[in-house]
C-alpha atoms as a PDB file:
ATOM      1  CA  UNK A   1      22.006 -18.634  -5.121  1.00  0.00           C
ATOM      2  CA  UNK A   2      18.225 -18.794  -5.246  1.00  0.00           C
ATOM      3  CA  UNK A   3      16.367 -15.524  -4.675  1.00  0.00           C
ATOM      4  CA  UNK A   4      14.535 -15.124  -1.393  1.00  0.00           C
ATOM      5  CA  UNK A   5      10.761 -15.360  -1.783  1.00  0.00           C
ATOM      6  CA  UNK A   6       9.057 -12.755   0.408  1.00  0.00           C
ATOM      7  CA  UNK A   7       5.355 -12.804   1.323  1.00  0.00           C
ATOM      8  CA  UNK A   8       2.959 -10.684  -0.711  1.00  0.00           C
ATOM      9  CA  UNK A   9       2.045  -8.433   2.190  1.00  0.00           C
ATOM     10  CA  UNK A  10      -0.993  -6.716   0.686  1.00  0.00           C
ATOM     11  CA  UNK A  11      -2.586 -10.086  -0.148  1.00  0.00           C
ATOM     12  CA  UNK A  12      -1.647 -11.367   3.301  1.00  0.00           C
ATOM     13  CA  UNK A  13      -3.302  -8.403   5.058  1.00  0.00           C
ATOM     14  CA  UNK A  14      -6.394  -8.430   2.839  1.00  0.00           C
ATOM     15  CA  UNK A  15      -6.956 -12.154   3.425  1.00  0.00           C
ATOM     16  CA  UNK A  16      -6.382 -11.704   7.170  1.00  0.00           C
ATOM     17  CA  UNK A  17      -8.981  -8.925   7.352  1.00  0.00           C
ATOM     18  CA  UNK A  18     -11.449 -10.994   5.294  1.00  0.00           C
ATOM     19  CA  UNK A  19     -10.966 -14.059   7.500  1.00  0.00           C
ATOM     20  CA  UNK A  20     -11.149 -12.211  10.846  1.00  0.00           C
ATOM     21  CA  UNK A  21     -13.877  -9.620  10.197  1.00  0.00           C
ATOM     22  CA  UNK A  22     -17.097  -9.306   8.228  1.00  0.00           C
ATOM     23  CA  UNK A  23     -15.361  -6.919   5.815  1.00  0.00           C
ATOM     24  CA  UNK A  24     -13.689  -7.591   2.470  1.00  0.00           C
ATOM     25  CA  UNK A  25     -11.057  -4.926   1.811  1.00  0.00           C
ATOM     26  CA  UNK A  26     -10.977  -2.930  -1.395  1.00  0.00           C
ATOM     27  CA  UNK A  27      -7.733  -2.094  -3.189  1.00  0.00           C
ATOM     28  CA  UNK A  28      -9.654   0.236  -5.520  1.00  0.00           C
ATOM     29  CA  UNK A  29     -12.700   2.138  -4.275  1.00  0.00           C
ATOM     30  CA  UNK A  30     -16.083   1.639  -5.919  1.00  0.00           C
ATOM     31  CA  UNK A  31     -17.070   4.393  -8.342  1.00  0.00           C
ATOM     32  CA  UNK A  32     -18.800   7.474  -6.942  1.00  0.00           C
ATOM     33  CA  UNK A  33     -22.219   6.124  -7.924  1.00  0.00           C
ATOM     34  CA  UNK A  34     -21.809   3.017  -5.718  1.00  0.00           C
ATOM     35  CA  UNK A  35     -19.482   4.270  -2.983  1.00  0.00           C
ATOM     36  CA  UNK A  36     -22.060   5.416  -0.414  1.00  0.00           C
ATOM     37  CA  UNK A  37     -24.023   2.170  -0.646  1.00  0.00           C
ATOM     38  CA  UNK A  38     -20.825   0.192   0.042  1.00  0.00           C
ATOM     39  CA  UNK A  39     -20.130   1.998   3.342  1.00  0.00           C
ATOM     40  CA  UNK A  40     -18.675   1.203   5.784  1.00  0.00           C
ATOM     41  CA  UNK A  41     -15.647  -0.122   3.950  1.00  0.00           C
ATOM     42  CA  UNK A  42     -11.934  -0.781   4.236  1.00  0.00           C
ATOM     43  CA  UNK A  43      -9.379   0.142   1.579  1.00  0.00           C
ATOM     44  CA  UNK A  44      -5.816  -1.142   1.739  1.00  0.00           C
ATOM     45  CA  UNK A  45      -2.762   0.022  -0.183  1.00  0.00           C
ATOM     46  CA  UNK A  46       0.992  -0.406  -0.197  1.00  0.00           C
ATOM     47  CA  UNK A  47       3.004   2.155   1.727  1.00  0.00           C
ATOM     48  CA  UNK A  48       6.499   3.154   0.547  1.00  0.00           C
ATOM     49  CA  UNK A  49       8.501   2.235   3.620  1.00  0.00           C
ATOM     50  CA  UNK A  50      10.326  -0.655   5.220  1.00  0.00           C
ATOM     51  CA  UNK A  51      13.635  -2.427   5.315  1.00  0.00           C
ATOM     52  CA  UNK A  52      15.100  -5.717   4.209  1.00  0.00           C
ATOM     53  CA  UNK A  53      17.667  -8.048   5.733  1.00  0.00           C
ATOM     54  CA  UNK A  54      18.743 -11.617   5.070  1.00  0.00           C
ATOM     55  CA  UNK A  55      16.182 -13.166   7.445  1.00  0.00           C
ATOM     56  CA  UNK A  56      13.432 -10.578   7.844  1.00  0.00           C
ATOM     57  CA  UNK A  57      11.720  -7.796   5.988  1.00  0.00           C
ATOM     58  CA  UNK A  58       9.723  -4.850   7.296  1.00  0.00           C
ATOM     59  CA  UNK A  59       6.924  -3.524   5.072  1.00  0.00           C
ATOM     60  CA  UNK A  60       3.998  -1.169   5.573  1.00  0.00           C
ATOM     61  CA  UNK A  61       0.357  -1.142   4.543  1.00  0.00           C
ATOM     62  CA  UNK A  62      -1.963   1.874   4.669  1.00  0.00           C
ATOM     63  CA  UNK A  63      -5.514   1.186   5.764  1.00  0.00           C
ATOM     64  CA  UNK A  64      -8.298   3.670   5.012  1.00  0.00           C
ATOM     65  CA  UNK A  65     -11.644   3.306   6.740  1.00  0.00           C
ATOM     66  CA  UNK A  66     -14.703   4.990   5.248  1.00  0.00           C
ATOM     67  CA  UNK A  67     -18.020   5.348   7.073  1.00  0.00           C
ATOM     68  CA  UNK A  68     -21.192   7.443   7.139  1.00  0.00           C
ATOM     69  CA  UNK A  69     -21.059   8.331  10.866  1.00  0.00           C
ATOM     70  CA  UNK A  70     -18.720   8.480  13.835  1.00  0.00           C
ATOM     71  CA  UNK A  71     -20.694   5.665  15.461  1.00  0.00           C
ATOM     72  CA  UNK A  72     -19.920   3.435  12.491  1.00  0.00           C
ATOM     73  CA  UNK A  73     -16.353   4.711  12.254  1.00  0.00           C
ATOM     74  CA  UNK A  74     -15.603   4.019  15.931  1.00  0.00           C
ATOM     75  CA  UNK A  75     -16.797   0.426  15.566  1.00  0.00           C
ATOM     76  CA  UNK A  76     -14.723   0.021  12.406  1.00  0.00           C
ATOM     77  CA  UNK A  77     -11.606   1.411  14.134  1.00  0.00           C
ATOM     78  CA  UNK A  78     -12.023  -0.978  17.076  1.00  0.00           C
ATOM     79  CA  UNK A  79     -12.519  -3.900  14.702  1.00  0.00           C
ATOM     80  CA  UNK A  80      -9.443  -3.062  12.626  1.00  0.00           C
ATOM     81  CA  UNK A  81      -7.194  -2.361  15.628  1.00  0.00           C
ATOM     82  CA  UNK A  82      -8.086  -5.773  17.093  1.00  0.00           C
ATOM     83  CA  UNK A  83      -7.785  -7.526  13.750  1.00  0.00           C
ATOM     84  CA  UNK A  84      -4.376  -6.102  12.926  1.00  0.00           C
ATOM     85  CA  UNK A  85      -2.994  -6.643  16.440  1.00  0.00           C
ATOM     86  CA  UNK A  86      -3.932 -10.326  16.186  1.00  0.00           C
ATOM     87  CA  UNK A  87      -1.788 -10.689  13.048  1.00  0.00           C
ATOM     88  CA  UNK A  88       1.445 -10.581  15.104  1.00  0.00           C
ATOM     89  CA  UNK A  89       2.774 -14.131  15.378  1.00  0.00           C
ATOM     90  CA  UNK A  90       0.280 -15.367  12.790  1.00  0.00           C
ATOM     91  CA  UNK A  91      -0.226 -15.651   9.083  1.00  0.00           C
ATOM     92  CA  UNK A  92      -2.060 -17.372   6.270  1.00  0.00           C
ATOM     93  CA  UNK A  93      -1.317 -18.917   2.888  1.00  0.00           C
ATOM     94  CA  UNK A  94       0.305 -15.637   1.787  1.00  0.00           C
ATOM     95  CA  UNK A  95       2.920 -15.547   4.544  1.00  0.00           C
ATOM     96  CA  UNK A  96       3.739 -15.169   8.220  1.00  0.00           C
ATOM     97  CA  UNK A  97       4.054 -11.985  10.303  1.00  0.00           C
ATOM     98  CA  UNK A  98       6.457 -12.073  13.237  1.00  0.00           C
ATOM     99  CA  UNK A  99       5.509  -8.662  14.599  1.00  0.00           C
ATOM    100  CA  UNK A 100       3.296  -5.701  13.773  1.00  0.00           C
ATOM    101  CA  UNK A 101       3.130  -2.070  14.805  1.00  0.00           C
ATOM    102  CA  UNK A 102       0.777   0.644  13.727  1.00  0.00           C
ATOM    103  CA  UNK A 103      -0.155   4.257  14.008  1.00  0.00           C
ATOM    104  CA  UNK A 104      -3.474   5.341  15.488  1.00  0.00           C
ATOM    105  CA  UNK A 105      -6.270   5.947  13.008  1.00  0.00           C
ATOM    106  CA  UNK A 106      -6.514   9.655  12.185  1.00  0.00           C
ATOM    107  CA  UNK A 107      -9.293  11.670  10.585  1.00  0.00           C
ATOM    108  CA  UNK A 108      -8.333  12.639   7.028  1.00  0.00           C
ATOM    109  CA  UNK A 109     -10.684  14.641   4.776  1.00  0.00           C
ATOM    110  CA  UNK A 110     -12.150  12.531   1.994  1.00  0.00           C
ATOM    111  CA  UNK A 111     -13.543  15.158  -0.352  1.00  0.00           C
ATOM    112  CA  UNK A 112     -17.210  14.284   0.090  1.00  0.00           C
ATOM    113  CA  UNK A 113     -18.237  15.805   3.458  1.00  0.00           C
ATOM    114  CA  UNK A 114     -20.896  13.080   3.882  1.00  0.00           C
ATOM    115  CA  UNK A 115     -18.157  10.408   4.062  1.00  0.00           C
ATOM    116  CA  UNK A 116     -15.774  10.097   7.011  1.00  0.00           C
ATOM    117  CA  UNK A 117     -12.272   8.760   6.385  1.00  0.00           C
ATOM    118  CA  UNK A 118      -9.705   7.613   8.913  1.00  0.00           C
ATOM    119  CA  UNK A 119      -6.253   6.342   7.956  1.00  0.00           C
ATOM    120  CA  UNK A 120      -3.502   4.389   9.720  1.00  0.00           C
ATOM    121  CA  UNK A 121      -0.263   2.742   8.642  1.00  0.00           C
ATOM    122  CA  UNK A 122       0.688  -0.704   9.892  1.00  0.00           C
ATOM    123  CA  UNK A 123       4.239  -2.050   9.638  1.00  0.00           C
ATOM    124  CA  UNK A 124       4.763  -5.805   9.419  1.00  0.00           C
ATOM    125  CA  UNK A 125       7.945  -7.724  10.151  1.00  0.00           C
ATOM    126  CA  UNK A 126       7.942 -10.847   7.991  1.00  0.00           C
ATOM    127  CA  UNK A 127      10.178 -13.789   7.324  1.00  0.00           C
ATOM    128  CA  UNK A 128      10.875 -15.324   3.906  1.00  0.00           C
ATOM    129  CA  UNK A 129       8.473 -17.920   2.525  1.00  0.00           C
ATOM    130  CA  UNK A 130       9.648 -21.508   2.868  1.00  0.00           C
ATOM    131  CA  UNK A 131      10.116 -23.669  -0.190  1.00  0.00           C
END
């Protein structure tokens, strides 16, 4: 029996965001010296949740948004909500997403009071890769 090849969901999401928005997600934040000049930005990371069956897998990705102001943050939230919703029934070279659900972005302290951070978790239902 050949092992099932599942999509690399973090690569899939990062490429989707890059292709559909003007942003290129970070998986590691810039150092403190360069962070403020990179704002607004998107950081993605794997979330420890999901399930697996013979024909589908559910996985989650955390998305952190960082911005200098609520005006910038609100635009970033709208952009990401639309971007991630459009992933349902779509995909790219990294895989296909049958369905997606997500939490609302919530304000989470960042540490530097001059930087706003909002976080949401998106769950993707994916099918195995063909071939």
